[in-house]
Amino acid sequence: MIEWDLQTDMPEIEISPTCPSQILRYYVNQMIDLNTIKRWLIFAGLMPLLPGCMVGPDYQRPPTTFQSKWDTALIRQQTGDRENLHTWWQSFHDPILTSLITQARLGNRDVFQAEARLRETRANRDLSVANILPTLSMNASASKNQPSRASRFGQVGQFGGSYNQFSQGLDASWELDLWGKQRRSIEYADATLGASEEDLQDVLISLCAEVALNYIDVRRYQNELVIAKNSLKARQETYDIAWWRAQAGLVSEVDVLQARLSVESTRADIPKLTSQLEQAKHGLAVLLGKQPTALNALLAQSASIPVAANDIAIGIPADVLRQRPDVRRSERKLAAQTAQIGVAEAAAYPSFTLSGSIGLESLLAANLYTAAAKTFQMAASSAWVLFDSGRIRSNVKIQTALQEQALGLYQNTILTALKEVEDSLNALNQEWQRRDALQASATAGKDALTLAEQQYQTGTTDFQRVLDSQQSLLTAQNQLVESEAETASNLIRLYKALGGGWDINATKPNQTHH
């Protein structure tokens, strides 16, 4: 340890001990002579120029190769703008859906947790920056001491009695970042902060899709309930006709029993659909951060399943990198883990610390704020691990292996994203065609039932044909509703796969981003 002593020929200056600003000014202006200040300023200024470096690999984003277009092309016209991806739900032109997504953004508990994690990582980043800077602390003490009379000092005359001691000072310490350990830590914190921002974006995108999918389920079950109730009413009327015809002796009792069977089987579907509807409402309310029954009034009335306009902006595969937060998040995690290798390698090199203190020390309180009471110390220290049984080397291997895992995760995330887009495109195309066929099937089923009922009333066909026609129409109508819901759901999944959803910078103006 190296120490420097100050000159002692400075004039005594009396100042008030009750004013911290005067004390600090006294330390700076009176206790350190100009030559000492110059020497230390020059030394501190030259420290960053010492042959230091940042150990460990410098991060470079892995190169990626994409095909120029998607293998699956949509069979519907594409006229959309990529900017509309951020608010894709507006293409359904459903004000209730838009309102629900807005409420979910404000009340969802997963978003609340993601925002808290973002604040945590931002604070960790600030902490990493603080670790590279010097620390300064102030101390003060007053003590009364009585040396032991049996000790060497107690037997010396001037140390035989008790004495008071008063001190006050400033302590500073600075660990020099010669090997880049702290700078790599800042790189890690920056990348982790970026990953947290992308995590929040991913939560928002997933939330928008989940709210929309649950809303589609609500409308689907409502429409299926309407179909079931209408079918029950129609079958009840058919049962009445069969009963009157049996009373008139025109048909056998078998027709009445078959009609009764048809009525009750249709009636049995209603409780199940009602339960599914209530569960969908409850799930939607929880996504909004509300009580399960909070949306019952808003969603009490049935409505048709929303249909989006054909304004989908598919883009190209390379857009997935720019639009999907999960891809960007995995890339930031790879960058963070790369920085950790440098942090681990820096532990194998010596550390250097500069420390110093300036202060006042006196046996009498009256003499504390005088030049004679000054004390000043500066030191440089070093520490170097010479033997640790391979711990540092093993940690470097661990961090390198974790970096390779992060690279594999990043590459797999890209492939998964491309797969999800291709799957969504294909599913949407197929469901469009299925819906068109089911629309024709439902229309034909209505016509077939009307004709069968007319023929039954005139006695030109049996009752089984009426029952079969009713069941065929019910099946076709339910399949059509299911297909309409699935078409909307596949479109929502496509938007999610493309990275469409809330723009974190546009929707959170009250947050400060690094």
Protein backbone atom coordinates (compact mmCIF):
# COMPACT_ATOMS: atom_id res chain seq x y z
CA MET A 1 0.00 0.00 0.00
CA ILE A 2 1.29 3.45 -0.93
CA GLU A 3 0.44 6.46 1.26
CA TRP A 4 0.96 10.18 0.80
CA ASP A 5 1.14 12.74 3.65
CA LEU A 6 0.13 16.35 3.16
CA GLN A 7 2.16 19.40 4.03
CA THR A 8 1.33 20.83 7.43
CA ASP A 9 2.15 24.52 6.98
CA MET A 10 -1.42 25.52 6.09
CA PRO A 11 -3.04 28.36 8.11
CA GLU A 12 -5.64 27.46 10.69
CA ILE A 13 -9.22 28.32 9.68
CA GLU A 14 -12.15 28.19 12.02
CA ILE A 15 -15.47 27.12 10.44
CA SER A 16 -18.85 26.07 11.72
CA PRO A 17 -19.16 22.27 12.19
CA THR A 18 -22.90 22.50 11.65
CA CYS A 19 -22.74 23.24 7.93
CA PRO A 20 -21.90 20.19 5.73
CA SER A 21 -21.33 22.36 2.67
CA GLN A 22 -18.70 24.39 4.55
CA ILE A 23 -17.05 21.19 5.73
CA LEU A 24 -16.82 19.82 2.18
CA ARG A 25 -15.54 23.15 0.89
CA TYR A 26 -12.98 23.17 3.67
CA TYR A 27 -11.75 19.70 2.68
CA VAL A 28 -11.41 20.61 -0.94
CA ASN A 29 -10.02 24.12 -0.66
CA GLN A 30 -7.83 23.92 2.44
CA MET A 31 -6.71 20.38 3.08
CA ILE A 32 -5.25 19.41 -0.32
CA ASP A 33 -2.53 21.53 -1.80
CA LEU A 34 -2.55 22.39 -5.48
CA ASN A 35 0.35 20.12 -6.44
CA THR A 36 -1.35 17.10 -4.88
CA ILE A 37 -4.56 17.84 -6.79
CA LYS A 38 -2.65 18.12 -10.06
CA ARG A 39 -0.80 14.85 -9.48
CA TRP A 40 -4.00 12.92 -8.80
CA LEU A 41 -5.98 14.49 -11.60
CA ILE A 42 -3.26 13.56 -14.07
CA PHE A 43 -3.09 10.04 -12.63
CA ALA A 44 -6.85 9.57 -12.78
CA GLY A 45 -6.98 10.94 -16.30
CA LEU A 46 -4.31 8.54 -17.51
CA MET A 47 -5.85 5.44 -15.94
CA PRO A 48 -8.33 4.84 -18.81
CA LEU A 49 -5.39 5.03 -21.22
CA LEU A 50 -3.52 2.18 -19.56
CA PRO A 51 -3.19 -0.92 -21.76
CA GLY A 52 -6.48 -2.33 -20.50
CA CYS A 53 -8.97 -4.22 -22.65
CA MET A 54 -12.25 -6.05 -22.46
CA VAL A 55 -11.65 -9.77 -22.25
CA GLY A 56 -14.18 -12.15 -23.68
CA PRO A 57 -15.87 -12.27 -27.11
CA ASP A 58 -17.48 -9.20 -28.64
CA TYR A 59 -21.10 -9.92 -29.53
CA GLN A 60 -22.20 -10.05 -33.15
CA ARG A 61 -25.73 -10.95 -34.18
CA PRO A 62 -25.73 -14.37 -35.88
CA PRO A 63 -26.38 -14.19 -39.62
CA THR A 64 -29.74 -15.54 -40.79
CA THR A 65 -30.90 -16.55 -44.24
CA PHE A 66 -34.54 -16.33 -45.29
CA GLN A 67 -36.47 -17.29 -48.37
CA SER A 68 -37.81 -14.37 -50.38
CA LYS A 69 -41.48 -15.21 -49.85
CA TRP A 70 -43.82 -17.53 -48.00
CA ASP A 71 -44.49 -20.94 -49.51
CA THR A 72 -48.21 -20.60 -48.74
CA ALA A 73 -50.05 -17.74 -50.44
CA LEU A 74 -53.44 -16.52 -49.25
CA ILE A 75 -56.32 -17.24 -51.62
CA ARG A 76 -58.00 -13.97 -50.64
CA GLN A 77 -56.92 -10.55 -51.82
CA GLN A 78 -54.25 -8.80 -49.73
CA THR A 79 -54.57 -5.02 -49.57
CA GLY A 80 -53.35 -4.25 -46.06
CA ASP A 81 -50.63 -2.00 -44.73
CA ARG A 82 -47.97 -3.41 -42.41
CA GLU A 83 -48.59 -0.52 -40.03
CA ASN A 84 -52.08 -1.96 -39.39
CA LEU A 85 -50.48 -4.99 -37.71
CA HIS A 86 -50.17 -3.03 -34.46
CA THR A 87 -53.98 -2.67 -34.29
CA TRP A 88 -55.12 -5.67 -36.32
CA TRP A 89 -58.29 -6.18 -34.21
CA GLN A 90 -59.76 -3.02 -35.70
CA SER A 91 -60.09 -4.87 -39.02
CA PHE A 92 -62.99 -6.82 -37.43
CA HIS A 93 -64.95 -3.55 -37.04
CA ASP A 94 -66.32 -4.72 -33.69
CA PRO A 95 -66.36 -1.93 -31.08
CA ILE A 96 -66.90 -4.39 -28.23
CA LEU A 97 -63.79 -6.35 -29.22
CA THR A 98 -61.75 -3.15 -29.45
CA SER A 99 -62.99 -2.06 -26.03
CA LEU A 100 -62.19 -5.42 -24.46
CA ILE A 101 -58.62 -5.38 -25.76
CA THR A 102 -58.10 -1.84 -24.47
CA GLN A 103 -59.41 -2.85 -21.02
CA ALA A 104 -57.21 -5.95 -20.99
CA ARG A 105 -54.13 -3.87 -21.73
CA LEU A 106 -54.85 -1.75 -18.66
CA GLY A 107 -55.99 -4.44 -16.22
CA ASN A 108 -54.33 -7.75 -17.10
CA ARG A 109 -52.19 -9.17 -14.29
CA ASP A 110 -49.63 -10.75 -16.63
CA VAL A 111 -48.97 -7.31 -18.11
CA PHE A 112 -48.59 -5.93 -14.59
CA GLN A 113 -45.96 -8.58 -13.80
CA ALA A 114 -44.11 -7.96 -17.07
CA GLU A 115 -44.02 -4.23 -16.36
CA ALA A 116 -42.63 -4.91 -12.88
CA ARG A 117 -39.94 -7.19 -14.36
CA LEU A 118 -39.04 -4.41 -16.79
CA ARG A 119 -38.64 -1.94 -13.92
CA GLU A 120 -36.48 -4.48 -12.12
CA THR A 121 -34.13 -5.00 -15.07
CA ARG A 122 -33.93 -1.25 -15.65
CA ALA A 123 -32.84 -0.79 -12.02
CA ASN A 124 -30.29 -3.61 -12.41
CA ARG A 125 -28.90 -1.84 -15.44
CA ASP A 126 -28.52 1.38 -13.44
CA LEU A 127 -26.78 -0.64 -10.72
CA SER A 128 -24.29 -2.04 -13.25
CA VAL A 129 -23.43 1.46 -14.42
CA ALA A 130 -22.99 2.59 -10.81
CA ASN A 131 -20.54 -0.25 -10.13
CA ILE A 132 -18.03 1.18 -12.61
CA LEU A 133 -17.97 4.59 -10.91
CA PRO A 134 -16.15 5.63 -7.69
CA THR A 135 -17.89 5.55 -4.32
CA LEU A 136 -17.72 8.40 -1.82
CA SER A 137 -18.81 8.23 1.81
CA MET A 138 -18.70 10.55 4.81
CA ASN A 139 -17.97 9.50 8.39
CA ALA A 140 -17.85 11.13 11.80
CA SER A 141 -17.13 9.77 15.27
CA ALA A 142 -16.60 10.86 18.85
CA SER A 143 -15.20 8.45 21.44
CA LYS A 144 -13.79 8.30 24.98
CA ASN A 145 -10.97 5.81 25.48
CA GLN A 146 -9.43 4.26 28.60
CA PRO A 147 -6.36 2.11 27.85
CA SER A 148 -5.77 -0.91 30.07
CA ARG A 149 -3.25 -0.17 32.80
CA ALA A 150 -1.85 -3.65 32.30
CA SER A 151 -1.06 -2.95 28.65
CA ARG A 152 2.07 -1.36 27.30
CA PHE A 153 0.26 1.89 26.53
CA GLY A 154 -1.41 2.01 29.94
CA GLN A 155 1.99 1.90 31.68
CA VAL A 156 3.32 4.89 29.75
CA GLY A 157 2.62 8.08 31.58
CA GLN A 158 0.84 10.03 28.90
CA PHE A 159 -1.39 7.08 28.06
CA GLY A 160 -2.24 6.20 31.61
CA GLY A 161 -5.48 8.16 31.76
CA SER A 162 -8.56 8.35 29.63
CA TYR A 163 -8.75 10.56 26.58
CA ASN A 164 -11.29 11.75 24.02
CA GLN A 165 -11.01 11.41 20.25
CA PHE A 166 -13.01 13.23 17.59
CA SER A 167 -12.84 12.59 13.83
CA GLN A 168 -14.67 13.45 10.64
CA GLY A 169 -13.80 12.71 7.05
CA LEU A 170 -14.54 11.59 3.51
CA ASP A 171 -13.60 8.16 2.09
CA ALA A 172 -13.40 7.35 -1.61
CA SER A 173 -12.82 4.06 -3.45
CA TRP A 174 -12.60 3.15 -7.12
CA GLU A 175 -12.00 -0.26 -8.65
CA LEU A 176 -10.37 0.24 -12.04
CA ASP A 177 -12.02 -1.68 -14.86
CA LEU A 178 -8.80 -2.61 -16.68
CA TRP A 179 -10.07 -5.92 -18.05
CA GLY A 180 -13.62 -4.91 -18.88
CA LYS A 181 -15.45 -6.86 -16.18
CA GLN A 182 -17.74 -3.96 -15.31
CA ARG A 183 -18.16 -2.94 -18.94
CA ARG A 184 -19.17 -6.50 -19.84
CA SER A 185 -21.58 -6.39 -16.91
CA ILE A 186 -23.12 -3.26 -18.40
CA GLU A 187 -23.40 -5.03 -21.77
CA TYR A 188 -25.16 -7.89 -20.00
CA ALA A 189 -27.51 -5.48 -18.21
CA ASP A 190 -28.28 -3.61 -21.44
CA ALA A 191 -29.11 -6.83 -23.27
CA THR A 192 -31.19 -8.11 -20.35
CA LEU A 193 -33.10 -4.83 -20.30
CA GLY A 194 -33.78 -5.21 -24.02
CA ALA A 195 -35.01 -8.76 -23.43
CA SER A 196 -37.39 -7.52 -20.72
CA GLU A 197 -38.79 -4.88 -23.06
CA GLU A 198 -39.40 -7.56 -25.68
CA ASP A 199 -40.95 -9.79 -23.03
CA LEU A 200 -43.47 -7.07 -22.23
CA GLN A 201 -44.17 -6.67 -25.94
CA ASP A 202 -44.68 -10.43 -26.26
CA VAL A 203 -47.07 -10.47 -23.30
CA LEU A 204 -49.10 -7.68 -24.90
CA ILE A 205 -49.26 -9.43 -28.27
CA SER A 206 -50.29 -12.73 -26.68
CA LEU A 207 -52.86 -10.93 -24.55
CA CYS A 208 -54.49 -9.26 -27.55
CA ALA A 209 -54.73 -12.61 -29.32
CA GLU A 210 -56.10 -14.41 -26.24
CA VAL A 211 -58.75 -11.75 -25.65
CA ALA A 212 -59.84 -11.92 -29.28
CA LEU A 213 -59.90 -15.74 -29.30
CA ASN A 214 -61.98 -15.83 -26.11
CA TYR A 215 -64.34 -13.23 -27.56
CA ILE A 216 -64.78 -15.36 -30.69
CA ASP A 217 -65.60 -18.34 -28.44
CA VAL A 218 -68.26 -16.30 -26.65
CA ARG A 219 -69.91 -15.35 -29.93
CA ARG A 220 -69.63 -18.92 -31.21
CA TYR A 221 -71.41 -20.42 -28.18
CA GLN A 222 -74.05 -17.69 -28.34
CA ASN A 223 -74.76 -18.51 -31.98
CA GLU A 224 -74.82 -22.24 -31.28
CA LEU A 225 -77.28 -21.61 -28.45
CA VAL A 226 -79.53 -19.65 -30.82
CA ILE A 227 -79.39 -22.49 -33.33
CA ALA A 228 -80.14 -25.08 -30.63
CA LYS A 229 -83.12 -23.10 -29.30
CA ASN A 230 -84.50 -22.54 -32.80
CA SER A 231 -84.04 -26.21 -33.57
CA LEU A 232 -85.79 -27.14 -30.33
CA LYS A 233 -88.72 -24.92 -31.25
CA ALA A 234 -88.95 -26.44 -34.73
CA ARG A 235 -88.79 -29.99 -33.39
CA GLN A 236 -91.45 -29.20 -30.81
CA GLU A 237 -93.72 -28.05 -33.63
CA THR A 238 -92.94 -31.23 -35.53
CA TYR A 239 -93.77 -33.25 -32.42
CA ASP A 240 -97.14 -31.47 -32.16
CA ILE A 241 -97.91 -32.29 -35.79
CA ALA A 242 -96.97 -35.94 -35.27
CA TRP A 243 -99.13 -36.12 -32.13
CA TRP A 244 -102.21 -34.69 -33.91
CA ARG A 245 -101.70 -36.99 -36.88
CA ALA A 246 -101.41 -39.96 -34.50
CA GLN A 247 -104.61 -38.88 -32.73
CA ALA A 248 -106.31 -38.76 -36.13
CA GLY A 249 -105.06 -42.25 -36.89
CA LEU A 250 -102.98 -41.10 -39.83
CA VAL A 251 -99.65 -42.28 -38.39
CA SER A 252 -98.54 -44.74 -35.76
CA GLU A 253 -97.41 -43.97 -32.22
CA VAL A 254 -93.84 -44.63 -33.37
CA ASP A 255 -93.75 -41.23 -35.11
CA VAL A 256 -94.73 -39.52 -31.86
CA LEU A 257 -92.04 -41.33 -29.89
CA GLN A 258 -89.40 -40.51 -32.50
CA ALA A 259 -90.44 -36.86 -32.44
CA ARG A 260 -90.23 -36.86 -28.63
CA LEU A 261 -86.75 -38.37 -28.80
CA SER A 262 -85.66 -35.65 -31.22
CA VAL A 263 -87.04 -32.89 -28.95
CA GLU A 264 -85.34 -34.12 -25.78
CA SER A 265 -81.97 -34.80 -27.42
CA THR A 266 -81.95 -31.25 -28.76
CA ARG A 267 -83.02 -29.89 -25.37
CA ALA A 268 -80.08 -31.72 -23.76
CA ASP A 269 -77.59 -29.73 -25.86
CA ILE A 270 -78.66 -26.38 -24.36
CA PRO A 271 -77.24 -26.78 -20.79
CA LYS A 272 -73.87 -27.88 -22.14
CA LEU A 273 -73.68 -24.91 -24.52
CA THR A 274 -74.79 -22.56 -21.73
CA SER A 275 -72.00 -23.85 -19.49
CA GLN A 276 -69.42 -23.40 -22.25
CA LEU A 277 -70.67 -19.86 -22.87
CA GLU A 278 -70.41 -18.91 -19.20
CA GLN A 279 -66.90 -20.36 -18.95
CA ALA A 280 -65.83 -18.36 -22.01
CA LYS A 281 -67.23 -15.16 -20.46
CA HIS A 282 -65.46 -15.87 -17.18
CA GLY A 283 -62.15 -16.53 -18.92
CA LEU A 284 -62.48 -13.32 -20.89
CA ALA A 285 -63.18 -11.32 -17.73
CA VAL A 286 -60.10 -12.72 -15.99
CA LEU A 287 -57.95 -11.72 -18.97
CA LEU A 288 -59.18 -8.18 -18.39
CA GLY A 289 -58.21 -8.37 -14.72
CA LYS A 290 -61.86 -8.37 -13.62
CA GLN A 291 -64.14 -10.59 -11.57
CA PRO A 292 -65.39 -13.64 -13.55
CA THR A 293 -68.95 -12.32 -13.86
CA ALA A 294 -67.98 -8.72 -14.65
CA LEU A 295 -68.79 -9.03 -18.39
CA ASN A 296 -72.17 -10.73 -18.10
CA ALA A 297 -74.10 -7.51 -18.74
CA LEU A 298 -71.87 -6.40 -21.63
CA LEU A 299 -72.11 -9.78 -23.37
CA ALA A 300 -75.73 -10.59 -22.48
CA GLN A 301 -76.99 -10.07 -26.03
CA SER A 302 -76.02 -12.49 -28.77
CA ALA A 303 -74.17 -11.14 -31.79
CA SER A 304 -72.77 -12.61 -34.96
CA ILE A 305 -69.17 -13.75 -35.16
CA PRO A 306 -67.08 -10.78 -36.40
CA VAL A 307 -65.65 -11.06 -39.89
CA ALA A 308 -62.44 -9.20 -40.75
CA ALA A 309 -61.84 -7.39 -44.00
CA ASN A 310 -59.33 -8.84 -46.46
CA ASP A 311 -56.61 -6.33 -45.64
CA ILE A 312 -53.93 -8.65 -44.29
CA ALA A 313 -50.34 -7.46 -44.72
CA ILE A 314 -48.31 -10.68 -44.84
CA GLY A 315 -44.94 -9.21 -45.76
CA ILE A 316 -41.90 -11.41 -46.25
CA PRO A 317 -40.17 -13.93 -43.94
CA ALA A 318 -37.46 -11.42 -43.00
CA ASP A 319 -40.17 -9.27 -41.42
CA VAL A 320 -40.55 -11.91 -38.71
CA LEU A 321 -37.21 -10.80 -37.22
CA ARG A 322 -38.37 -7.20 -37.03
CA GLN A 323 -41.94 -7.86 -35.87
CA ARG A 324 -41.86 -10.81 -33.46
CA PRO A 325 -40.82 -9.89 -29.93
CA ASP A 326 -40.03 -13.48 -28.98
CA VAL A 327 -37.38 -13.57 -31.73
CA ARG A 328 -35.95 -10.24 -30.62
CA ARG A 329 -36.04 -11.38 -26.98
CA SER A 330 -34.07 -14.56 -27.69
CA GLU A 331 -31.51 -12.50 -29.63
CA ARG A 332 -31.09 -10.13 -26.66
CA LYS A 333 -30.67 -13.12 -24.33
CA LEU A 334 -27.93 -14.42 -26.62
CA ALA A 335 -26.18 -11.03 -26.42
CA ALA A 336 -26.51 -11.03 -22.64
CA GLN A 337 -25.03 -14.49 -22.28
CA THR A 338 -22.13 -13.58 -24.59
CA ALA A 339 -21.26 -10.71 -22.25
CA GLN A 340 -21.28 -13.12 -19.29
CA ILE A 341 -18.32 -14.96 -20.82
CA GLY A 342 -16.26 -11.76 -20.57
CA VAL A 343 -17.33 -11.27 -16.95
CA ALA A 344 -16.20 -14.81 -16.13
CA GLU A 345 -12.85 -14.43 -17.93
CA ALA A 346 -12.10 -11.14 -16.17
CA ALA A 347 -12.04 -12.97 -12.83
CA ALA A 348 -8.74 -14.58 -13.90
CA TYR A 349 -6.98 -11.20 -14.03
CA PRO A 350 -5.77 -8.98 -11.16
CA SER A 351 -8.01 -6.24 -9.81
CA PHE A 352 -6.75 -2.76 -8.98
CA THR A 353 -8.40 -0.40 -6.53
CA LEU A 354 -7.66 3.22 -5.72
CA SER A 355 -8.74 4.47 -2.32
CA GLY A 356 -8.29 7.64 -0.37
CA SER A 357 -9.54 9.58 2.57
CA ILE A 358 -9.38 13.14 3.82
CA GLY A 359 -10.51 14.18 7.24
CA LEU A 360 -10.00 15.77 10.60
CA GLU A 361 -8.86 14.11 13.80
CA SER A 362 -8.27 15.64 17.22
CA LEU A 363 -8.24 14.82 20.91
CA LEU A 364 -10.11 18.06 21.60
CA ALA A 365 -13.40 19.00 19.95
CA ALA A 366 -12.31 22.64 19.90
CA ASN A 367 -9.31 21.77 17.73
CA LEU A 368 -11.17 19.51 15.27
CA TYR A 369 -11.74 22.19 12.65
CA THR A 370 -8.17 23.44 12.42
CA ALA A 371 -5.43 22.78 9.92
CA ALA A 372 -3.42 20.93 12.55
CA ALA A 373 -6.17 18.31 12.79
CA LYS A 374 -6.06 17.38 9.14
CA THR A 375 -5.39 13.82 8.00
CA PHE A 376 -5.05 12.55 4.47
CA GLN A 377 -4.38 9.13 2.97
CA MET A 378 -4.30 7.74 -0.56
CA ALA A 379 -3.56 4.17 -1.51
CA ALA A 380 -3.52 1.75 -4.40
CA SER A 381 -4.15 -1.95 -3.87
CA SER A 382 -4.21 -5.03 -6.04
CA ALA A 383 -5.61 -8.54 -5.68
CA TRP A 384 -5.01 -11.55 -7.90
CA VAL A 385 -6.28 -15.09 -7.52
CA LEU A 386 -3.26 -17.34 -8.11
CA PHE A 387 -4.85 -20.70 -7.37
CA ASP A 388 -8.53 -21.66 -7.18
CA SER A 389 -8.52 -25.33 -8.23
CA GLY A 390 -9.89 -24.43 -11.69
CA ARG A 391 -13.01 -22.60 -10.49
CA ILE A 392 -12.59 -19.64 -12.82
CA ARG A 393 -11.80 -21.85 -15.80
CA SER A 394 -14.84 -24.01 -15.08
CA ASN A 395 -17.07 -20.95 -14.82
CA VAL A 396 -15.84 -19.74 -18.21
CA LYS A 397 -16.75 -23.13 -19.67
CA ILE A 398 -20.17 -22.93 -18.05
CA GLN A 399 -20.86 -19.47 -19.47
CA THR A 400 -19.64 -20.56 -22.90
CA ALA A 401 -21.96 -23.58 -22.85
CA LEU A 402 -24.85 -21.34 -21.79
CA GLN A 403 -24.04 -19.02 -24.68
CA GLU A 404 -24.18 -21.95 -27.10
CA GLN A 405 -27.56 -22.92 -25.62
CA ALA A 406 -28.80 -19.35 -26.10
CA LEU A 407 -27.64 -19.47 -29.72
CA GLY A 408 -29.56 -22.70 -30.30
CA LEU A 409 -32.65 -21.21 -28.65
CA TYR A 410 -32.42 -18.12 -30.87
CA GLN A 411 -32.15 -20.21 -34.03
CA ASN A 412 -34.99 -22.48 -32.94
CA THR A 413 -37.18 -19.46 -32.11
CA ILE A 414 -36.74 -18.19 -35.66
CA LEU A 415 -37.66 -21.58 -37.13
CA THR A 416 -40.68 -21.85 -34.85
CA ALA A 417 -41.82 -18.37 -35.87
CA LEU A 418 -41.57 -19.24 -39.57
CA LYS A 419 -43.45 -22.50 -38.96
CA GLU A 420 -46.27 -20.71 -37.12
CA VAL A 421 -46.75 -18.26 -39.97
CA GLU A 422 -46.81 -21.03 -42.60
CA ASP A 423 -49.22 -23.10 -40.47
CA SER A 424 -51.51 -20.11 -39.94
CA LEU A 425 -51.53 -19.23 -43.64
CA ASN A 426 -52.41 -22.79 -44.62
CA ALA A 427 -55.07 -23.15 -41.89
CA LEU A 428 -56.72 -19.88 -42.91
CA ASN A 429 -56.80 -20.87 -46.57
CA GLN A 430 -58.33 -24.27 -45.82
CA GLU A 431 -60.92 -22.85 -43.43
CA TRP A 432 -62.01 -20.24 -45.98
CA GLN A 433 -62.77 -23.06 -48.44
CA ARG A 434 -64.49 -25.14 -45.77
CA ARG A 435 -66.69 -22.19 -44.76
CA ASP A 436 -67.78 -21.61 -48.36
CA ALA A 437 -68.81 -25.27 -48.67
CA LEU A 438 -70.68 -25.22 -45.35
CA GLN A 439 -72.60 -22.11 -46.35
CA ALA A 440 -73.88 -23.98 -49.40
CA SER A 441 -74.60 -27.03 -47.23
CA ALA A 442 -76.67 -25.01 -44.72
CA THR A 443 -78.70 -23.44 -47.52
CA ALA A 444 -79.41 -26.85 -49.04
CA GLY A 445 -80.33 -28.22 -45.61
CA LYS A 446 -82.99 -25.54 -45.12
CA ASP A 447 -84.54 -26.31 -48.49
CA ALA A 448 -84.47 -30.07 -47.83
CA LEU A 449 -86.22 -29.68 -44.46
CA THR A 450 -88.93 -27.43 -45.89
CA LEU A 451 -89.65 -29.96 -48.64
CA ALA A 452 -89.65 -32.93 -46.24
CA GLU A 453 -92.11 -31.22 -43.88
CA GLN A 454 -94.46 -30.40 -46.76
CA GLN A 455 -94.36 -33.98 -48.03
CA TYR A 456 -94.94 -35.39 -44.54
CA GLN A 457 -98.02 -33.22 -44.00
CA THR A 458 -99.44 -34.40 -47.33
CA GLY A 459 -98.59 -38.01 -46.52
CA THR A 460 -96.14 -38.50 -49.39
CA THR A 461 -93.11 -39.29 -47.17
CA ASP A 462 -92.49 -40.88 -43.81
CA PHE A 463 -91.60 -39.16 -40.57
CA GLN A 464 -88.04 -40.45 -40.54
CA ARG A 465 -87.17 -38.26 -43.50
CA VAL A 466 -88.32 -35.19 -41.57
CA LEU A 467 -86.20 -36.18 -38.59
CA ASP A 468 -83.19 -36.82 -40.79
CA SER A 469 -83.61 -33.45 -42.51
CA GLN A 470 -83.87 -31.66 -39.17
CA GLN A 471 -80.72 -33.32 -37.88
CA SER A 472 -78.83 -32.62 -41.10
CA LEU A 473 -79.77 -28.94 -40.96
CA LEU A 474 -78.77 -28.68 -37.30
CA THR A 475 -75.42 -30.29 -38.06
CA ALA A 476 -74.81 -28.04 -41.06
CA GLN A 477 -75.70 -24.89 -39.13
CA ASN A 478 -73.47 -25.82 -36.20
CA GLN A 479 -70.62 -26.68 -38.54
CA LEU A 480 -71.03 -23.33 -40.29
CA VAL A 481 -70.88 -21.43 -36.99
CA GLU A 482 -67.85 -23.48 -35.98
CA SER A 483 -66.16 -22.71 -39.31
CA GLU A 484 -66.90 -18.99 -39.04
CA ALA A 485 -65.39 -18.99 -35.56
CA GLU A 486 -62.40 -21.01 -36.72
CA THR A 487 -61.86 -18.67 -39.68
CA ALA A 488 -61.74 -15.68 -37.34
CA SER A 489 -59.50 -17.58 -34.90
CA ASN A 490 -57.08 -18.63 -37.64
CA LEU A 491 -56.85 -15.03 -38.78
CA ILE A 492 -56.09 -13.95 -35.21
CA ARG A 493 -53.39 -16.64 -34.93
CA LEU A 494 -51.91 -15.41 -38.20
CA TYR A 495 -51.73 -11.85 -36.90
CA LYS A 496 -50.08 -13.12 -33.73
CA ALA A 497 -47.60 -15.24 -35.72
CA LEU A 498 -46.67 -12.17 -37.76
CA GLY A 499 -45.93 -10.22 -34.58
CA GLY A 500 -49.01 -8.03 -34.74
CA GLY A 501 -50.22 -6.38 -31.58
CA TRP A 502 -49.55 -3.54 -29.24
CA ASP A 503 -46.53 -1.37 -30.00
CA ILE A 504 -44.77 -0.93 -26.66
CA ASN A 505 -43.38 2.50 -27.54
CA ALA A 506 -46.73 3.75 -28.83
CA THR A 507 -48.92 2.46 -26.03
CA LYS A 508 -46.80 3.21 -22.97
CA PRO A 509 -45.96 6.92 -23.18
CA ASN A 510 -45.61 7.15 -19.40
CA GLN A 511 -42.63 4.80 -19.33
CA THR A 512 -39.03 5.82 -19.81
CA HIS A 513 -37.08 3.47 -22.05
CA HIS A 514 -33.38 3.06 -22.23
